[in-house]
Amino acid sequence: MNARLRLPTRRGTGFILLPVVLLLTLVAAAAYMGNRETGLASAMAGGATDMDKARYAAEAGLHRTIVQMHSKGCGGSYPAFFFSPMQDNAFDDGKYYAYAGALSGSPVTIYSTGTYGDASITLTRQNVPMHQATTTTITLQPGSEGFDTYLKSTGANYSSSDSLVANAGTAFPLIRYDLAAVPAGSHVTAATLSGYAIGVGGSGSVALHRVTRDWTEGASWTTTDGSTAWSQPGGDAHPDAVAASPFSGVNTWMTWDLTALVDKWVKGSLPNQGLQVRLGAGLSSLTLVSSDSSTPSQRPKLTVSFLPPCGWTPPDITVTLGPLADTDIDYDVPTTNFGSQPDLYLSQGYPAHPLLQFDLAGINSGSVVKSASLRLYFGSLQVNAKSASKTTKNLTLNVHAVTKSWKELEATWKKRIISSNWTTQGGDYRSTSVTSMTLSKNSTPGTWLEFDVTPLVQEWVDGVTANNGLILETPTSSTEELIFSSREAASNPPELVVTYK
């Protein structure tokens, strides 16, 4: 009997097709969801683009408003809400509406709303300092109180040295300036450090590195202050130089541009911990004059130009200057020079005239001299060429402006320099005194005498007359000889104390 072939029933066919239908349904659903998510992503991307463009416009409004406010030079009339806001739509149809929160003054809060399409964003900048339109320039050239020294591998301290010595790998000068004279909120436009070179070995460039740790003048090769150790011998300094300058010759100034660094110091984004001097390839040694030098004009100086904040007025600055040169010229020994002596004689009976000169290079032209006082230490007295304890009469002491140049180690009663005589023996000076004082009878040595020379110093600062220094004389007929300390004296050298703005 033949077996019959069983054919699939309709029920069996439907069971097989069901998974296929379900699979097709899932594929369609996935495609639908994918298309939907792609559409949503595109819509979100479009919104992000609008918001970005709104932000760009708002940022432009902030910057333009700040520029507009600075152009006023602290004169007020800042762009204000409703009155004179800054507006523009030149941003591919983006727009901004920006304004200041005050009509004048500093600091100021600034607002800017940017829009693009349906997107809108408001940006705020708080406490934005406004600067004066005119640049102020100061030169910091401290005297012996200056903050400098050098570190040497021998381990000693050199804070009182009159020089800053750099040797390749074994000696590094350190220097720092107090920037308190630059007001907070200022913008530094230029800053230059200058050092006077007096010795060198080789040729090449000299780099400045930012010191990264606090230190004092008591620092040594291994310590920051005589007790606290550096992280590494020779001082902690950033490995990258902030400035470099080629050596330009002995007895000349080297200069380094420190504008960016000083601006950061003033704004507080970096701590002012000073600078370290390092020699580049080709240089084995370099010697710079330090702030302890007896030649004030050669001491290191930092010149800073800045835009001060609105409302700031320069404070009075007082400097105490030591003599650039001093000597006395004596009638009794008309060809003898006394420029290296520790004393200055003033007399009429045995005619002697002290000569002094001070360097005013650190006081900028245009400064207003509010006071200038010549201070001389009256250390001892002779009467009739014998030591005395007090004066025997009233003495008039006159200070005059010298009208011809002279040299400390060459000037005598007859000559101002070796190759040229004074026009009048005893010195060329204005007949009218700058100032006078009366030293009373019975005055005793051991005191400072002060002379007001303000008008003459103002002339020198303004460039009206050449600064050839001062000369003292007394018209009083007397055998009294007043003896003052010179700049070569062990203590109490002459001073010129100048207060200016």
Protein backbone atom coordinates (compact mmCIF):
# COMPACT_ATOMS: atom_id res chain seq x y z
CA MET A 1 0.00 0.00 0.00
CA ASN A 2 1.44 3.28 -1.01
CA ALA A 3 1.99 5.86 1.75
CA ARG A 4 0.27 9.09 1.20
CA LEU A 5 2.31 12.36 1.15
CA ARG A 6 1.01 14.75 3.80
CA LEU A 7 0.71 18.29 2.61
CA PRO A 8 1.03 21.26 5.02
CA THR A 9 -2.31 22.53 6.21
CA ARG A 10 -3.36 26.13 6.06
CA ARG A 11 -2.87 26.31 9.82
CA GLY A 12 0.71 25.29 9.46
CA THR A 13 1.40 27.94 6.80
CA GLY A 14 0.08 30.75 8.99
CA PHE A 15 2.36 29.68 11.89
CA ILE A 16 5.45 30.01 9.71
CA LEU A 17 4.59 33.51 8.33
CA LEU A 18 4.02 35.12 11.77
CA PRO A 19 7.74 35.64 12.64
CA VAL A 20 8.32 37.24 9.28
CA VAL A 21 5.55 39.74 9.88
CA LEU A 22 6.87 40.54 13.36
CA LEU A 23 10.38 41.07 11.98
CA LEU A 24 9.14 43.47 9.33
CA THR A 25 7.18 45.39 11.96
CA LEU A 26 10.26 45.80 14.16
CA VAL A 27 12.35 47.02 11.24
CA ALA A 28 9.72 49.62 10.36
CA ALA A 29 9.51 50.78 13.98
CA ALA A 30 13.29 51.10 14.21
CA ALA A 31 13.40 53.10 11.03
CA TYR A 32 10.67 55.39 12.32
CA MET A 33 12.47 55.98 15.62
CA GLY A 34 15.77 56.59 13.81
CA ASN A 35 14.22 59.16 11.55
CA ARG A 36 12.54 60.81 14.54
CA GLU A 37 15.80 61.03 16.55
CA THR A 38 17.63 62.41 13.51
CA GLY A 39 15.02 65.10 13.21
CA LEU A 40 15.27 65.95 16.91
CA ALA A 41 19.07 66.11 16.72
CA SER A 42 18.88 68.44 13.75
CA ALA A 43 16.46 70.67 15.60
CA MET A 44 18.70 70.72 18.70
CA ALA A 45 21.77 71.46 16.59
CA GLY A 46 19.97 74.39 15.03
CA GLY A 47 19.09 75.73 18.48
CA ALA A 48 22.69 75.37 19.66
CA THR A 49 23.89 77.32 16.64
CA ASP A 50 21.43 80.12 17.39
CA MET A 51 22.57 80.26 21.01
CA ASP A 52 26.24 80.31 20.00
CA LYS A 53 25.60 83.19 17.63
CA ALA A 54 23.66 85.04 20.32
CA ARG A 55 26.61 84.61 22.68
CA TYR A 56 29.08 85.87 20.07
CA ALA A 57 26.99 88.99 19.60
CA ALA A 58 26.73 89.56 23.36
CA GLU A 59 30.50 89.23 23.76
CA ALA A 60 31.04 91.74 20.98
CA GLY A 61 28.73 94.13 22.79
CA LEU A 62 30.75 93.81 25.99
CA HIS A 63 34.02 94.56 24.24
CA ARG A 64 32.67 97.49 22.26
CA THR A 65 31.13 99.01 25.37
CA ILE A 66 34.42 98.73 27.28
CA VAL A 67 36.30 100.38 24.40
CA GLN A 68 33.72 103.16 24.25
CA MET A 69 34.00 103.76 28.00
CA HIS A 70 37.80 103.90 27.88
CA SER A 71 37.63 106.44 25.08
CA LYS A 72 35.90 108.80 27.49
CA GLY A 73 39.08 108.98 29.56
CA CYS A 74 37.15 108.91 32.84
CA GLY A 75 35.13 111.92 31.66
CA GLY A 76 31.81 110.16 32.25
CA SER A 77 28.94 109.78 29.77
CA TYR A 78 29.31 106.01 29.64
CA PRO A 79 26.79 104.15 27.42
CA ALA A 80 23.78 103.77 29.74
CA PHE A 81 20.53 101.84 29.61
CA PHE A 82 17.79 103.74 27.70
CA PHE A 83 20.04 106.78 27.14
CA SER A 84 22.92 105.71 24.91
CA PRO A 85 23.32 101.93 24.84
CA MET A 86 25.63 100.26 22.35
CA GLN A 87 23.62 98.45 19.63
CA ASP A 88 24.52 96.62 16.45
CA ASN A 89 23.05 93.90 14.21
CA ALA A 90 25.99 93.25 11.90
CA PHE A 91 26.38 89.62 13.04
CA ASP A 92 24.62 87.58 10.32
CA ASP A 93 21.35 88.96 11.69
CA GLY A 94 22.56 88.57 15.28
CA LYS A 95 22.15 91.63 17.52
CA TYR A 96 23.42 93.02 20.80
CA TYR A 97 22.18 95.63 23.26
CA ALA A 98 24.93 96.62 25.72
CA TYR A 99 25.32 99.26 28.40
CA ALA A 100 27.18 100.27 31.57
CA GLY A 101 25.69 100.14 35.03
CA ALA A 102 26.92 103.67 35.82
CA LEU A 103 27.49 106.91 33.93
CA SER A 104 31.03 107.41 35.28
CA GLY A 105 33.66 106.14 37.70
CA SER A 106 35.50 102.88 38.20
CA PRO A 107 35.00 99.95 38.54
CA VAL A 108 31.77 99.47 36.57
CA THR A 109 29.47 96.53 35.84
CA ILE A 110 28.65 96.04 32.15
CA TYR A 111 25.68 94.20 30.65
CA SER A 112 25.20 92.91 27.11
CA THR A 113 22.25 90.98 25.65
CA GLY A 114 22.81 89.12 22.40
CA THR A 115 20.02 87.67 20.25
CA TYR A 116 19.85 85.44 17.19
CA GLY A 117 16.61 84.00 15.94
CA ASP A 118 14.67 82.83 19.01
CA ALA A 119 17.86 82.53 21.11
CA SER A 120 18.82 85.21 23.64
CA ILE A 121 21.60 85.44 26.24
CA THR A 122 22.71 88.20 28.64
CA LEU A 123 26.35 88.41 29.74
CA THR A 124 27.57 90.44 32.72
CA ARG A 125 31.06 91.66 33.57
CA GLN A 126 31.35 92.92 37.13
CA ASN A 127 33.87 95.39 38.55
CA VAL A 128 35.50 96.26 35.23
CA PRO A 129 38.20 98.91 35.91
CA MET A 130 38.09 102.01 33.75
CA HIS A 131 41.40 103.67 32.94
CA GLN A 132 42.46 107.23 32.43
CA ALA A 133 43.31 108.16 28.85
CA THR A 134 46.78 109.51 29.72
CA THR A 135 49.67 107.18 30.49
CA THR A 136 51.59 107.69 33.73
CA THR A 137 55.27 106.73 33.85
CA ILE A 138 57.32 106.15 36.99
CA THR A 139 60.95 105.12 37.42
CA LEU A 140 61.75 102.99 40.45
CA GLN A 141 65.42 103.38 41.29
CA PRO A 142 65.78 102.85 45.03
CA GLY A 143 68.81 103.78 47.05
CA SER A 144 70.58 101.47 49.47
CA GLU A 145 67.15 100.29 50.67
CA GLY A 146 66.73 98.55 47.29
CA PHE A 147 65.90 94.84 47.29
CA ASP A 148 68.75 93.06 45.54
CA THR A 149 71.61 90.66 46.20
CA TYR A 150 73.32 87.75 44.49
CA LEU A 151 73.58 84.07 45.33
CA LYS A 152 77.00 82.47 45.05
CA SER A 153 77.93 78.83 45.48
CA THR A 154 80.47 79.79 48.16
CA GLY A 155 77.42 80.25 50.42
CA ALA A 156 78.01 83.79 51.72
CA ASN A 157 75.47 86.64 51.72
CA TYR A 158 76.11 89.64 49.46
CA SER A 159 73.16 91.94 50.27
CA SER A 160 75.42 94.92 51.05
CA SER A 161 77.65 94.54 47.99
CA ASP A 162 77.80 97.49 45.61
CA SER A 163 77.61 95.08 42.67
CA LEU A 164 75.53 92.16 41.41
CA VAL A 165 77.75 89.34 40.19
CA ALA A 166 76.62 86.64 37.79
CA ASN A 167 78.77 83.62 36.93
CA ALA A 168 77.80 80.74 34.69
CA GLY A 169 76.24 78.18 37.02
CA THR A 170 77.79 79.51 40.24
CA ALA A 171 76.36 83.01 40.88
CA PHE A 172 72.87 84.42 40.23
CA PRO A 173 71.76 87.99 41.03
CA LEU A 174 68.29 88.50 42.50
CA ILE A 175 66.32 91.74 42.26
CA ARG A 176 62.81 92.82 43.19
CA TYR A 177 60.88 96.11 43.09
CA ASP A 178 58.03 97.28 45.28
CA LEU A 179 55.19 98.13 42.88
CA ALA A 180 53.00 99.83 45.48
CA ALA A 181 53.30 103.10 43.52
CA VAL A 182 51.29 101.51 40.67
CA PRO A 183 47.63 101.61 41.80
CA ALA A 184 45.41 98.54 41.79
CA GLY A 185 43.31 98.33 38.65
CA SER A 186 46.02 99.80 36.42
CA HIS A 187 46.89 98.42 33.00
CA VAL A 188 50.65 98.31 32.35
CA THR A 189 51.53 99.44 28.82
CA ALA A 190 55.33 99.22 29.11
CA ALA A 191 57.90 98.09 31.67
CA THR A 192 61.67 98.07 31.23
CA LEU A 193 64.33 96.88 33.66
CA SER A 194 67.74 98.56 33.22
CA GLY A 195 71.02 97.38 34.71
CA TYR A 196 74.38 99.13 34.39
CA ALA A 197 77.12 96.69 33.34
CA ILE A 198 80.64 97.30 34.68
CA GLY A 199 82.30 93.96 33.98
CA VAL A 200 81.95 90.95 31.68
CA GLY A 201 83.58 87.75 30.57
CA GLY A 202 82.77 86.63 27.04
CA SER A 203 79.82 87.67 24.89
CA GLY A 204 76.23 86.54 24.58
CA SER A 205 72.77 87.23 26.00
CA VAL A 206 71.59 87.67 29.58
CA ALA A 207 68.23 86.22 30.60
CA LEU A 208 65.82 87.10 33.38
CA HIS A 209 63.80 84.37 35.07
CA ARG A 210 60.82 84.82 37.36
CA VAL A 211 61.61 83.82 40.96
CA THR A 212 58.97 81.42 42.27
CA ARG A 213 59.53 81.74 46.01
CA ASP A 214 59.62 84.59 48.53
CA TRP A 215 63.08 85.69 49.66
CA THR A 216 64.84 88.44 51.60
CA GLU A 217 68.14 90.23 51.18
CA GLY A 218 69.50 87.74 53.71
CA ALA A 219 69.30 85.04 51.04
CA SER A 220 72.27 82.82 50.24
CA TRP A 221 73.03 80.00 47.80
CA THR A 222 71.11 77.51 49.96
CA THR A 223 68.58 79.65 51.87
CA THR A 224 65.87 82.19 51.05
CA ASP A 225 66.50 84.28 54.17
CA GLY A 226 69.47 82.83 56.04
CA SER A 227 67.51 79.90 57.49
CA THR A 228 64.75 78.64 55.16
CA ALA A 229 66.08 76.38 52.42
CA TRP A 230 65.48 76.93 48.72
CA SER A 231 63.93 73.96 46.94
CA GLN A 232 67.20 73.78 45.03
CA PRO A 233 70.58 75.44 45.67
CA GLY A 234 71.00 78.65 43.73
CA GLY A 235 67.40 79.76 44.15
CA ASP A 236 63.96 78.78 42.86
CA ALA A 237 63.19 80.28 39.46
CA HIS A 238 60.94 79.36 36.56
CA PRO A 239 62.91 77.45 33.90
CA ASP A 240 61.60 79.64 31.07
CA ALA A 241 63.10 83.12 30.69
CA VAL A 242 60.71 86.07 30.74
CA ALA A 243 63.15 88.28 28.83
CA ALA A 244 66.63 88.19 27.34
CA SER A 245 68.99 90.92 26.18
CA PRO A 246 72.34 90.77 24.38
CA PHE A 247 75.30 92.17 26.27
CA SER A 248 76.02 95.60 24.78
CA GLY A 249 79.32 96.58 26.37
CA VAL A 250 80.99 97.60 29.62
CA ASN A 251 79.89 100.88 31.21
CA THR A 252 76.58 100.81 29.35
CA TRP A 253 72.99 100.04 30.25
CA MET A 254 71.42 96.67 29.54
CA THR A 255 67.62 96.68 29.19
CA TRP A 256 64.94 94.00 29.35
CA ASP A 257 61.29 94.29 28.30
CA LEU A 258 59.13 93.08 31.21
CA THR A 259 55.78 94.55 30.15
CA ALA A 260 53.76 91.32 30.25
CA LEU A 261 55.21 90.14 33.57
CA VAL A 262 54.86 93.47 35.39
CA ASP A 263 51.25 93.72 34.18
CA LYS A 264 50.57 90.32 35.75
CA TRP A 265 52.26 91.42 38.99
CA VAL A 266 50.17 94.59 39.15
CA LYS A 267 46.93 92.72 38.42
CA GLY A 268 47.76 89.97 40.91
CA SER A 269 47.65 87.05 38.48
CA LEU A 270 51.25 86.24 39.46
CA PRO A 271 53.00 86.96 42.80
CA ASN A 272 55.79 89.53 42.63
CA GLN A 273 58.72 87.49 43.89
CA GLY A 274 61.31 89.23 41.78
CA LEU A 275 63.76 88.13 39.12
CA GLN A 276 66.89 86.06 38.80
CA VAL A 277 69.68 86.89 36.33
CA ARG A 278 71.20 84.03 34.35
CA LEU A 279 73.93 84.06 31.72
CA GLY A 280 73.45 82.61 28.27
CA ALA A 281 75.93 80.64 26.21
CA GLY A 282 79.16 82.50 25.54
CA LEU A 283 79.14 84.49 28.79
CA SER A 284 81.17 83.32 31.78
CA SER A 285 80.58 86.33 34.03
CA LEU A 286 78.75 89.65 34.29
CA THR A 287 78.86 92.40 36.90
CA LEU A 288 76.03 94.91 37.30
CA VAL A 289 75.83 97.87 39.67
CA SER A 290 73.59 97.18 42.68
CA SER A 291 71.29 99.47 44.66
CA ASP A 292 74.05 99.79 47.29
CA SER A 293 76.36 101.57 44.85
CA SER A 294 77.69 104.99 45.85
CA THR A 295 76.82 106.20 42.33
CA PRO A 296 73.03 106.64 42.48
CA SER A 297 72.59 107.18 38.75
CA GLN A 298 73.94 103.69 37.98
CA ARG A 299 71.68 101.75 40.32
CA PRO A 300 69.23 99.30 38.71
CA LYS A 301 65.91 100.86 37.71
CA LEU A 302 62.49 99.71 36.62
CA THR A 303 60.54 102.13 34.42
CA VAL A 304 56.80 101.41 34.32
CA SER A 305 54.20 103.10 32.11
CA PHE A 306 50.57 102.41 32.96
CA LEU A 307 47.00 103.59 32.49
CA PRO A 308 45.75 104.30 36.02
CA PRO A 309 42.12 103.67 37.04
CA CYS A 310 39.60 106.50 37.01
CA GLY A 311 39.62 108.55 40.18
CA TRP A 312 43.30 107.91 40.94
CA THR A 313 45.61 110.84 41.53
CA PRO A 314 49.36 110.34 41.78
CA PRO A 315 50.59 110.39 45.38
CA ASP A 316 53.52 112.54 46.37
CA ILE A 317 56.79 110.70 45.89
CA THR A 318 59.72 111.38 48.20
CA VAL A 319 63.25 110.31 47.29
CA THR A 320 66.48 110.79 49.20
CA LEU A 321 69.40 111.19 46.81
CA GLY A 322 73.06 110.86 47.65
CA PRO A 323 75.59 113.04 45.81
CA LEU A 324 76.72 112.03 42.37
CA ALA A 325 79.88 114.03 43.14
CA ASP A 326 81.17 116.37 45.85
CA THR A 327 84.39 118.14 46.80
CA ASP A 328 85.55 121.47 48.17
CA ILE A 329 87.79 124.02 46.48
CA ASP A 330 90.22 126.01 48.66
CA TYR A 331 91.87 129.38 48.08
CA ASP A 332 94.91 128.49 50.22
CA VAL A 333 95.74 125.45 48.06
CA PRO A 334 94.41 126.60 44.68
CA THR A 335 95.70 123.65 42.64
CA THR A 336 94.84 120.83 45.07
CA ASN A 337 91.83 118.60 44.57
CA PHE A 338 89.94 117.21 47.60
CA GLY A 339 87.37 115.07 45.79
CA SER A 340 88.33 111.86 47.60
CA GLN A 341 88.29 113.36 51.10
CA PRO A 342 85.61 112.54 53.73
CA ASP A 343 84.91 116.20 54.52
CA LEU A 344 83.76 119.46 52.91
CA TYR A 345 85.07 122.81 54.19
CA LEU A 346 83.11 126.08 54.15
CA SER A 347 84.81 129.27 55.28
CA GLN A 348 85.38 132.92 54.43
CA GLY A 349 88.55 133.82 56.35
CA TYR A 350 90.32 130.87 54.74
CA PRO A 351 88.11 130.77 51.65
CA ALA A 352 86.71 127.33 50.88
CA HIS A 353 83.56 126.41 48.91
CA PRO A 354 81.84 122.98 48.94
CA LEU A 355 80.61 121.73 45.55
CA LEU A 356 77.87 119.11 45.26
CA GLN A 357 75.96 117.51 42.40
CA PHE A 358 72.94 115.17 42.51
CA ASP A 359 71.52 112.99 39.76
CA LEU A 360 67.82 113.68 39.12
CA ALA A 361 67.42 111.16 36.28
CA GLY A 362 64.83 109.22 38.30
CA ILE A 363 62.45 112.20 38.41
CA ASN A 364 60.50 112.44 35.17
CA SER A 365 60.38 115.66 33.20
CA GLY A 366 57.09 117.42 33.87
CA SER A 367 56.97 116.39 37.52
CA VAL A 368 55.98 119.08 39.99
CA VAL A 369 58.62 119.47 42.70
CA LYS A 370 56.77 120.20 45.92
CA SER A 371 59.89 120.45 48.06
CA ALA A 372 63.63 119.89 47.77
CA SER A 373 65.92 120.09 50.77
CA LEU A 374 69.73 120.00 50.74
CA ARG A 375 70.89 118.38 53.99
CA LEU A 376 74.50 118.67 55.18
CA TYR A 377 75.85 117.18 58.37
CA PHE A 378 77.77 119.79 60.35
CA GLY A 379 80.29 117.46 61.96
CA SER A 380 83.06 119.68 63.31
CA LEU A 381 84.30 123.27 63.57
CA GLN A 382 87.58 125.13 63.49
CA VAL A 383 88.18 128.73 64.55
CA ASN A 384 91.53 130.28 63.66
CA ALA A 385 92.53 126.88 62.32
CA LYS A 386 91.97 125.24 65.71
CA SER A 387 89.25 122.84 66.80
CA ALA A 388 86.32 124.61 68.47
CA SER A 389 83.13 123.50 70.22
CA LYS A 390 80.79 126.30 69.08
CA THR A 391 80.55 129.20 66.66
CA THR A 392 81.58 132.64 67.87
CA LYS A 393 79.19 134.73 65.75
CA ASN A 394 76.16 134.55 63.48
CA LEU A 395 77.13 133.13 60.08
CA THR A 396 75.25 133.59 56.82
CA LEU A 397 75.40 130.52 54.59
CA ASN A 398 74.43 130.86 50.92
CA VAL A 399 73.68 128.19 48.31
CA HIS A 400 74.17 129.09 44.63
CA ALA A 401 73.56 127.29 41.33
CA VAL A 402 76.79 126.33 39.57
CA THR A 403 76.86 127.52 35.95
CA LYS A 404 79.73 125.41 34.56
CA SER A 405 80.34 121.67 34.61
CA TRP A 406 83.08 120.26 36.84
CA LYS A 407 84.56 116.93 37.87
CA GLU A 408 84.83 115.61 41.39
CA LEU A 409 88.44 114.44 41.14
CA GLU A 410 89.68 117.37 39.06
CA ALA A 411 88.04 120.55 40.41
CA THR A 412 90.28 122.99 42.32
CA TRP A 413 90.08 126.66 43.25
CA LYS A 414 91.48 127.47 39.80
CA LYS A 415 90.18 124.69 37.56
CA ARG A 416 86.77 123.06 37.03
CA ILE A 417 88.38 120.23 35.05
CA ILE A 418 92.04 119.54 34.37
CA SER A 419 91.90 121.10 30.92
CA SER A 420 89.79 124.17 31.75
CA ASN A 421 89.87 126.96 34.34
CA TRP A 422 86.87 128.43 36.09
CA THR A 423 85.96 131.77 34.53
CA THR A 424 86.26 133.17 38.05
CA GLN A 425 88.56 131.46 40.50
CA GLY A 426 86.60 129.88 43.32
CA GLY A 427 83.88 128.59 40.97
CA ASP A 428 81.38 129.87 38.40
CA TYR A 429 77.93 130.33 39.93
CA ARG A 430 74.94 132.63 39.86
CA SER A 431 75.47 135.79 41.87
CA THR A 432 71.99 135.54 43.40
CA SER A 433 71.74 132.72 45.90
CA VAL A 434 69.11 130.01 45.61
CA THR A 435 68.64 130.07 49.36
CA SER A 436 70.33 131.33 52.53
CA MET A 437 70.28 130.49 56.19
CA THR A 438 71.76 131.98 59.33
CA LEU A 439 73.74 129.75 61.64
CA SER A 440 73.38 131.36 65.04
CA LYS A 441 76.21 132.25 67.37
CA ASN A 442 77.09 129.44 69.79
CA SER A 443 75.86 126.75 67.39
CA THR A 444 77.55 123.43 68.08
CA PRO A 445 78.63 120.69 65.64
CA GLY A 446 76.81 117.39 65.44
CA THR A 447 73.66 118.62 63.69
CA TRP A 448 72.10 118.59 60.24
CA LEU A 449 71.72 121.86 58.37
CA GLU A 450 68.92 122.08 55.80
CA PHE A 451 68.60 124.41 52.81
CA ASP A 452 65.43 124.82 50.74
CA VAL A 453 66.47 124.48 47.08
CA THR A 454 63.01 123.72 45.63
CA PRO A 455 62.98 126.38 42.85
CA LEU A 456 66.36 125.30 41.49
CA VAL A 457 65.49 121.58 41.49
CA GLN A 458 62.28 122.39 39.60
CA GLU A 459 64.38 124.21 36.98
CA TRP A 460 66.59 121.16 36.62
CA VAL A 461 63.63 118.77 36.31
CA ASP A 462 62.01 121.01 33.69
CA GLY A 463 65.28 121.34 31.77
CA VAL A 464 65.22 125.14 32.08
CA THR A 465 68.82 125.16 33.29
CA ALA A 466 71.58 122.56 33.23
CA ASN A 467 72.14 120.63 36.43
CA ASN A 468 75.74 121.58 37.22
CA GLY A 469 75.18 121.25 40.93
CA LEU A 470 75.41 123.55 43.95
CA ILE A 471 78.11 125.57 45.63
CA LEU A 472 78.11 126.99 49.16
CA GLU A 473 79.77 130.23 50.29
CA THR A 474 79.58 132.53 53.28
CA PRO A 475 79.97 136.32 53.02
CA THR A 476 80.47 136.69 56.77
CA SER A 477 83.93 137.97 57.63
CA SER A 478 85.14 135.26 59.98
CA THR A 479 87.92 132.75 60.58
CA GLU A 480 85.38 130.01 61.34
CA GLU A 481 85.55 126.88 59.22
CA LEU A 482 82.49 124.66 59.09
CA ILE A 483 83.32 121.06 58.26
CA PHE A 484 80.60 118.89 56.72
CA SER A 485 80.62 115.15 55.94
CA SER A 486 81.20 114.33 52.26
CA ARG A 487 79.87 111.33 50.37
CA GLU A 488 83.16 109.56 51.19
CA ALA A 489 82.53 109.89 54.95
CA ALA A 490 81.84 106.77 56.98
CA SER A 491 78.44 108.17 58.03
CA ASN A 492 76.00 111.04 57.41
CA PRO A 493 76.82 111.86 53.77
CA PRO A 494 75.02 114.80 52.12
CA GLU A 495 71.41 114.29 51.02
CA LEU A 496 68.98 115.90 48.64
CA VAL A 497 65.45 115.06 49.78
CA VAL A 498 62.93 115.69 46.96
CA THR A 499 59.16 115.38 47.18
CA TYR A 500 57.39 115.56 43.84
CA LYS A 501 54.26 114.58 41.99
